[in-house]
Amino acid sequence: MTERITASVNGEHRELRAGTTLADVVASLSTAPAGVAAAVNEDVVPRGRWAATAVAEGDRIEILTAVQGG
């Protein structure tokens, strides 16, 4: 049995596999190669640290994608 955790992703509670990284969460929501920002518990996480940032029980994750237009 795989251990599960619950985190808030863009305001929605999600059940995730324990050991999920921020990079995994971003990849599940966006395929954009650029223009994506991520924050965990209101702290922006630089893209270079996404793969090393493990999601913990109760974390609040926000993923923002820039869009072009007016």
PDB file of N, CA and C in Angstrom:
ATOM      1  N   MET A   1       0.843  -1.191   0.000  1.00  0.00           N
ATOM      2  CA  MET A   1       0.000   0.000   0.000  1.00  0.00           C
ATOM      3  C   MET A   1       0.887   1.254   0.000  1.00  0.00           C
ATOM      4  N   THR A   2       0.586   2.201  -0.867  1.00  0.00           N
ATOM      5  CA  THR A   2       1.362   3.429  -0.979  1.00  0.00           C
ATOM      6  C   THR A   2       0.823   4.462  -0.003  1.00  0.00           C
ATOM      7  N   GLU A   3       1.729   5.086   0.728  1.00  0.00           N
ATOM      8  CA  GLU A   3       1.339   6.127   1.659  1.00  0.00           C
ATOM      9  C   GLU A   3       0.862   7.350   0.876  1.00  0.00           C
ATOM     10  N   ARG A   4      -0.172   7.990   1.356  1.00  0.00           N
ATOM     11  CA  ARG A   4      -0.747   9.159   0.686  1.00  0.00           C
ATOM     12  C   ARG A   4      -0.699  10.357   1.636  1.00  0.00           C
ATOM     13  N   ILE A   5      -0.625  11.542   1.054  1.00  0.00           N
ATOM     14  CA  ILE A   5      -0.708  12.788   1.802  1.00  0.00           C
ATOM     15  C   ILE A   5      -1.761  13.664   1.143  1.00  0.00           C
ATOM     16  N   THR A   6      -2.214  14.660   1.862  1.00  0.00           N
ATOM     17  CA  THR A   6      -3.175  15.609   1.320  1.00  0.00           C
ATOM     18  C   THR A   6      -2.536  16.994   1.315  1.00  0.00           C
ATOM     19  N   ALA A   7      -2.642  17.672   0.175  1.00  0.00           N
ATOM     20  CA  ALA A   7      -2.131  19.034   0.035  1.00  0.00           C
ATOM     21  C   ALA A   7      -3.165  19.842  -0.739  1.00  0.00           C
ATOM     22  N   SER A   8      -3.094  21.150  -0.604  1.00  0.00           N
ATOM     23  CA  SER A   8      -3.965  22.048  -1.360  1.00  0.00           C
ATOM     24  C   SER A   8      -3.197  22.521  -2.579  1.00  0.00           C
ATOM     25  N   VAL A   9      -3.751  22.273  -3.772  1.00  0.00           N
ATOM     26  CA  VAL A   9      -3.124  22.695  -5.019  1.00  0.00           C
ATOM     27  C   VAL A   9      -4.072  23.662  -5.709  1.00  0.00           C
ATOM     28  N   ASN A  10      -3.653  24.927  -5.810  1.00  0.00           N
ATOM     29  CA  ASN A  10      -4.489  25.980  -6.388  1.00  0.00           C
ATOM     30  C   ASN A  10      -5.879  25.999  -5.738  1.00  0.00           C
ATOM     31  N   GLY A  11      -5.890  25.823  -4.423  1.00  0.00           N
ATOM     32  CA  GLY A  11      -7.130  25.925  -3.658  1.00  0.00           C
ATOM     33  C   GLY A  11      -7.958  24.653  -3.594  1.00  0.00           C
ATOM     34  N   GLU A  12      -7.524  23.591  -4.270  1.00  0.00           N
ATOM     35  CA  GLU A  12      -8.250  22.314  -4.253  1.00  0.00           C
ATOM     36  C   GLU A  12      -7.473  21.283  -3.449  1.00  0.00           C
ATOM     37  N   HIS A  13      -8.154  20.603  -2.538  1.00  0.00           N
ATOM     38  CA  HIS A  13      -7.489  19.542  -1.785  1.00  0.00           C
ATOM     39  C   HIS A  13      -7.250  18.362  -2.710  1.00  0.00           C
ATOM     40  N   ARG A  14      -6.005  17.869  -2.692  1.00  0.00           N
ATOM     41  CA  ARG A  14      -5.638  16.730  -3.541  1.00  0.00           C
ATOM     42  C   ARG A  14      -4.915  15.702  -2.701  1.00  0.00           C
ATOM     43  N   GLU A  15      -5.180  14.456  -3.025  1.00  0.00           N
ATOM     44  CA  GLU A  15      -4.450  13.363  -2.406  1.00  0.00           C
ATOM     45  C   GLU A  15      -3.284  13.024  -3.321  1.00  0.00           C
ATOM     46  N   LEU A  16      -2.081  13.025  -2.757  1.00  0.00           N
ATOM     47  CA  LEU A  16      -0.865  12.777  -3.521  1.00  0.00           C
ATOM     48  C   LEU A  16      -0.091  11.609  -2.917  1.00  0.00           C
ATOM     49  N   ARG A  17       0.714  10.982  -3.715  1.00  0.00           N
ATOM     50  CA  ARG A  17       1.583   9.911  -3.242  1.00  0.00           C
ATOM     51  C   ARG A  17       2.673  10.538  -2.377  1.00  0.00           C
ATOM     52  N   ALA A  18       2.981   9.937  -1.240  1.00  0.00           N
ATOM     53  CA  ALA A  18       4.082  10.414  -0.411  1.00  0.00           C
ATOM     54  C   ALA A  18       5.343  10.401  -1.265  1.00  0.00           C
ATOM     55  N   GLY A  19       6.175  11.426  -1.129  1.00  0.00           N
ATOM     56  CA  GLY A  19       7.382  11.534  -1.934  1.00  0.00           C
ATOM     57  C   GLY A  19       7.199  12.352  -3.191  1.00  0.00           C
ATOM     58  N   THR A  20       5.976  12.817  -3.449  1.00  0.00           N
ATOM     59  CA  THR A  20       5.717  13.669  -4.601  1.00  0.00           C
ATOM     60  C   THR A  20       6.514  14.959  -4.452  1.00  0.00           C
ATOM     61  N   THR A  21       7.116  15.404  -5.552  1.00  0.00           N
ATOM     62  CA  THR A  21       7.872  16.656  -5.527  1.00  0.00           C
ATOM     63  C   THR A  21       7.049  17.771  -6.163  1.00  0.00           C
ATOM     64  N   LEU A  22       7.502  18.980  -5.943  1.00  0.00           N
ATOM     65  CA  LEU A  22       6.851  20.125  -6.576  1.00  0.00           C
ATOM     66  C   LEU A  22       6.920  19.993  -8.092  1.00  0.00           C
ATOM     67  N   ALA A  23       8.018  19.463  -8.616  1.00  0.00           N
ATOM     68  CA  ALA A  23       8.139  19.257 -10.065  1.00  0.00           C
ATOM     69  C   ALA A  23       7.049  18.308 -10.566  1.00  0.00           C
ATOM     70  N   ASP A  24       6.739  17.269  -9.793  1.00  0.00           N
ATOM     71  CA  ASP A  24       5.674  16.331 -10.172  1.00  0.00           C
ATOM     72  C   ASP A  24       4.324  17.046 -10.237  1.00  0.00           C
ATOM     73  N   VAL A  25       4.053  17.887  -9.250  1.00  0.00           N
ATOM     74  CA  VAL A  25       2.772  18.609  -9.203  1.00  0.00           C
ATOM     75  C   VAL A  25       2.667  19.555 -10.393  1.00  0.00           C
ATOM     76  N   VAL A  26       3.741  20.307 -10.656  1.00  0.00           N
ATOM     77  CA  VAL A  26       3.726  21.245 -11.786  1.00  0.00           C
ATOM     78  C   VAL A  26       3.500  20.483 -13.089  1.00  0.00           C
ATOM     79  N   ALA A  27       4.202  19.384 -13.280  1.00  0.00           N
ATOM     80  CA  ALA A  27       4.070  18.598 -14.514  1.00  0.00           C
ATOM     81  C   ALA A  27       2.655  18.061 -14.695  1.00  0.00           C
ATOM     82  N   SER A  28       1.965  17.783 -13.598  1.00  0.00           N
ATOM     83  CA  SER A  28       0.602  17.264 -13.705  1.00  0.00           C
ATOM     84  C   SER A  28      -0.401  18.341 -14.099  1.00  0.00           C
ATOM     85  N   LEU A  29      -0.008  19.608 -13.946  1.00  0.00           N
ATOM     86  CA  LEU A  29      -0.928  20.716 -14.232  1.00  0.00           C
ATOM     87  C   LEU A  29      -0.575  21.507 -15.480  1.00  0.00           C
ATOM     88  N   SER A  30       0.686  21.490 -15.885  1.00  0.00           N
ATOM     89  CA  SER A  30       1.102  22.339 -17.000  1.00  0.00           C
ATOM     90  C   SER A  30       2.198  21.660 -17.810  1.00  0.00           C
ATOM     91  N   THR A  31       2.078  21.762 -19.113  1.00  0.00           N
ATOM     92  CA  THR A  31       3.139  21.266 -20.002  1.00  0.00           C
ATOM     93  C   THR A  31       3.950  22.420 -20.569  1.00  0.00           C
ATOM     94  N   ALA A  32       3.650  23.631 -20.109  1.00  0.00           N
ATOM     95  CA  ALA A  32       4.358  24.816 -20.606  1.00  0.00           C
ATOM     96  C   ALA A  32       5.837  24.737 -20.217  1.00  0.00           C
ATOM     97  N   PRO A  33       6.736  24.933 -21.175  1.00  0.00           N
ATOM     98  CA  PRO A  33       8.160  24.865 -20.870  1.00  0.00           C
ATOM     99  C   PRO A  33       8.686  26.113 -20.156  1.00  0.00           C
ATOM    100  N   ALA A  34       7.913  27.179 -20.177  1.00  0.00           N
ATOM    101  CA  ALA A  34       8.330  28.436 -19.550  1.00  0.00           C
ATOM    102  C   ALA A  34       7.085  29.190 -19.102  1.00  0.00           C
ATOM    103  N   GLY A  35       7.293  30.236 -18.324  1.00  0.00           N
ATOM    104  CA  GLY A  35       6.176  31.066 -17.893  1.00  0.00           C
ATOM    105  C   GLY A  35       5.366  30.455 -16.773  1.00  0.00           C
ATOM    106  N   VAL A  36       5.985  29.539 -16.016  1.00  0.00           N
ATOM    107  CA  VAL A  36       5.297  28.894 -14.900  1.00  0.00           C
ATOM    108  C   VAL A  36       6.030  29.259 -13.614  1.00  0.00           C
ATOM    109  N   ALA A  37       5.284  29.622 -12.585  1.00  0.00           N
ATOM    110  CA  ALA A  37       5.850  29.907 -11.270  1.00  0.00           C
ATOM    111  C   ALA A  37       5.153  29.027 -10.247  1.00  0.00           C
ATOM    112  N   ALA A  38       5.871  28.690  -9.184  1.00  0.00           N
ATOM    113  CA  ALA A  38       5.291  27.829  -8.158  1.00  0.00           C
ATOM    114  C   ALA A  38       5.654  28.355  -6.779  1.00  0.00           C
ATOM    115  N   ALA A  39       4.696  28.251  -5.869  1.00  0.00           N
ATOM    116  CA  ALA A  39       4.916  28.648  -4.481  1.00  0.00           C
ATOM    117  C   ALA A  39       4.390  27.553  -3.567  1.00  0.00           C
ATOM    118  N   VAL A  40       5.093  27.342  -2.478  1.00  0.00           N
ATOM    119  CA  VAL A  40       4.666  26.395  -1.452  1.00  0.00           C
ATOM    120  C   VAL A  40       4.533  27.173  -0.153  1.00  0.00           C
ATOM    121  N   ASN A  41       3.352  27.109   0.432  1.00  0.00           N
ATOM    122  CA  ASN A  41       3.079  27.831   1.679  1.00  0.00           C
ATOM    123  C   ASN A  41       3.467  29.300   1.568  1.00  0.00           C
ATOM    124  N   GLU A  42       3.117  29.886   0.429  1.00  0.00           N
ATOM    125  CA  GLU A  42       3.285  31.305   0.128  1.00  0.00           C
ATOM    126  C   GLU A  42       4.729  31.732  -0.115  1.00  0.00           C
ATOM    127  N   ASP A  43       5.649  30.772  -0.247  1.00  0.00           N
ATOM    128  CA  ASP A  43       7.038  31.074  -0.582  1.00  0.00           C
ATOM    129  C   ASP A  43       7.314  30.602  -2.006  1.00  0.00           C
ATOM    130  N   VAL A  44       7.751  31.530  -2.864  1.00  0.00           N
ATOM    131  CA  VAL A  44       8.079  31.167  -4.245  1.00  0.00           C
ATOM    132  C   VAL A  44       9.287  30.232  -4.223  1.00  0.00           C
ATOM    133  N   VAL A  45       9.181  29.151  -5.000  1.00  0.00           N
ATOM    134  CA  VAL A  45      10.271  28.177  -5.096  1.00  0.00           C
ATOM    135  C   VAL A  45      10.892  28.321  -6.484  1.00  0.00           C
ATOM    136  N   PRO A  46      12.192  28.616  -6.560  1.00  0.00           N
ATOM    137  CA  PRO A  46      12.839  28.739  -7.864  1.00  0.00           C
ATOM    138  C   PRO A  46      12.742  27.424  -8.647  1.00  0.00           C
ATOM    139  N   ARG A  47      12.591  27.521  -9.953  1.00  0.00           N
ATOM    140  CA  ARG A  47      12.439  26.347 -10.816  1.00  0.00           C
ATOM    141  C   ARG A  47      13.530  25.310 -10.564  1.00  0.00           C
ATOM    142  N   GLY A  48      14.732  25.733 -10.327  1.00  0.00           N
ATOM    143  CA  GLY A  48      15.844  24.819 -10.102  1.00  0.00           C
ATOM    144  C   GLY A  48      15.710  23.974  -8.844  1.00  0.00           C
ATOM    145  N   ARG A  49      14.810  24.351  -7.947  1.00  0.00           N
ATOM    146  CA  ARG A  49      14.609  23.579  -6.712  1.00  0.00           C
ATOM    147  C   ARG A  49      13.331  22.752  -6.717  1.00  0.00           C
ATOM    148  N   TRP A  50      12.539  22.811  -7.798  1.00  0.00           N
ATOM    149  CA  TRP A  50      11.275  22.070  -7.834  1.00  0.00           C
ATOM    150  C   TRP A  50      11.477  20.576  -7.612  1.00  0.00           C
ATOM    151  N   ALA A  51      12.459  19.976  -8.295  1.00  0.00           N
ATOM    152  CA  ALA A  51      12.662  18.528  -8.199  1.00  0.00           C
ATOM    153  C   ALA A  51      13.139  18.097  -6.819  1.00  0.00           C
ATOM    154  N   ALA A  52      13.745  19.011  -6.077  1.00  0.00           N
ATOM    155  CA  ALA A  52      14.253  18.684  -4.743  1.00  0.00           C
ATOM    156  C   ALA A  52      13.286  19.096  -3.632  1.00  0.00           C
ATOM    157  N   THR A  53      12.152  19.682  -4.002  1.00  0.00           N
ATOM    158  CA  THR A  53      11.180  20.143  -3.005  1.00  0.00           C
ATOM    159  C   THR A  53      10.071  19.118  -2.853  1.00  0.00           C
ATOM    160  N   ALA A  54      10.124  18.374  -1.752  1.00  0.00           N
ATOM    161  CA  ALA A  54       9.108  17.355  -1.482  1.00  0.00           C
ATOM    162  C   ALA A  54       7.854  18.025  -0.933  1.00  0.00           C
ATOM    163  N   VAL A  55       6.707  17.565  -1.381  1.00  0.00           N
ATOM    164  CA  VAL A  55       5.429  18.070  -0.877  1.00  0.00           C
ATOM    165  C   VAL A  55       5.131  17.348   0.435  1.00  0.00           C
ATOM    166  N   ALA A  56       4.742  18.112   1.444  1.00  0.00           N
ATOM    167  CA  ALA A  56       4.442  17.554   2.762  1.00  0.00           C
ATOM    168  C   ALA A  56       2.941  17.652   3.050  1.00  0.00           C
ATOM    169  N   GLU A  57       2.498  16.855   3.970  1.00  0.00           N
ATOM    170  CA  GLU A  57       1.100  16.863   4.414  1.00  0.00           C
ATOM    171  C   GLU A  57       0.690  18.295   4.765  1.00  0.00           C
ATOM    172  N   GLY A  58      -0.419  18.737   4.186  1.00  0.00           N
ATOM    173  CA  GLY A  58      -0.973  20.049   4.509  1.00  0.00           C
ATOM    174  C   GLY A  58      -0.370  21.217   3.762  1.00  0.00           C
ATOM    175  N   ASP A  59       0.614  20.976   2.900  1.00  0.00           N
ATOM    176  CA  ASP A  59       1.208  22.087   2.146  1.00  0.00           C
ATOM    177  C   ASP A  59       0.151  22.772   1.285  1.00  0.00           C
ATOM    178  N   ARG A  60       0.356  24.078   1.089  1.00  0.00           N
ATOM    179  CA  ARG A  60      -0.490  24.878   0.203  1.00  0.00           C
ATOM    180  C   ARG A  60       0.367  25.249  -1.004  1.00  0.00           C
ATOM    181  N   ILE A  61       0.008  24.700  -2.162  1.00  0.00           N
ATOM    182  CA  ILE A  61       0.782  24.893  -3.381  1.00  0.00           C
ATOM    183  C   ILE A  61      -0.015  25.740  -4.361  1.00  0.00           C
ATOM    184  N   GLU A  62       0.643  26.728  -4.928  1.00  0.00           N
ATOM    185  CA  GLU A  62       0.029  27.551  -5.966  1.00  0.00           C
ATOM    186  C   GLU A  62       0.897  27.470  -7.205  1.00  0.00           C
ATOM    187  N   ILE A  63       0.288  27.121  -8.337  1.00  0.00           N
ATOM    188  CA  ILE A  63       0.977  27.054  -9.621  1.00  0.00           C
ATOM    189  C   ILE A  63       0.352  28.123 -10.513  1.00  0.00           C
ATOM    190  N   LEU A  64       1.200  29.019 -11.023  1.00  0.00           N
ATOM    191  CA  LEU A  64       0.718  30.107 -11.870  1.00  0.00           C
ATOM    192  C   LEU A  64       1.368  29.999 -13.240  1.00  0.00           C
ATOM    193  N   THR A  65       0.571  30.167 -14.272  1.00  0.00           N
ATOM    194  CA  THR A  65       1.064  30.116 -15.639  1.00  0.00           C
ATOM    195  C   THR A  65       0.762  31.448 -16.318  1.00  0.00           C
ATOM    196  N   ALA A  66       1.798  32.066 -16.869  1.00  0.00           N
ATOM    197  CA  ALA A  66       1.620  33.323 -17.575  1.00  0.00           C
ATOM    198  C   ALA A  66       0.885  33.045 -18.894  1.00  0.00           C
ATOM    199  N   VAL A  67      -0.025  33.944 -19.234  1.00  0.00           N
ATOM    200  CA  VAL A  67      -0.741  33.822 -20.510  1.00  0.00           C
ATOM    201  C   VAL A  67      -0.546  35.112 -21.288  1.00  0.00           C
ATOM    202  N   GLN A  68      -0.475  34.990 -22.589  1.00  0.00           N
ATOM    203  CA  GLN A  68      -0.285  36.148 -23.456  1.00  0.00           C
ATOM    204  C   GLN A  68      -1.642  36.639 -23.899  1.00  0.00           C
ATOM    205  N   GLY A  69      -1.754  37.909 -24.051  1.00  0.00           N
ATOM    206  CA  GLY A  69      -3.013  38.471 -24.547  1.00  0.00           C
ATOM    207  C   GLY A  69      -3.378  39.714 -23.789  1.00  0.00           C
ATOM    208  N   GLY A  70      -4.518  40.251 -24.101  1.00  0.00           N
ATOM    209  CA  GLY A  70      -4.862  41.512 -23.472  1.00  0.00           C
ATOM    210  C   GLY A  70      -6.285  41.635 -23.184  1.00  0.00           C
TER     211      GLY A  70
END
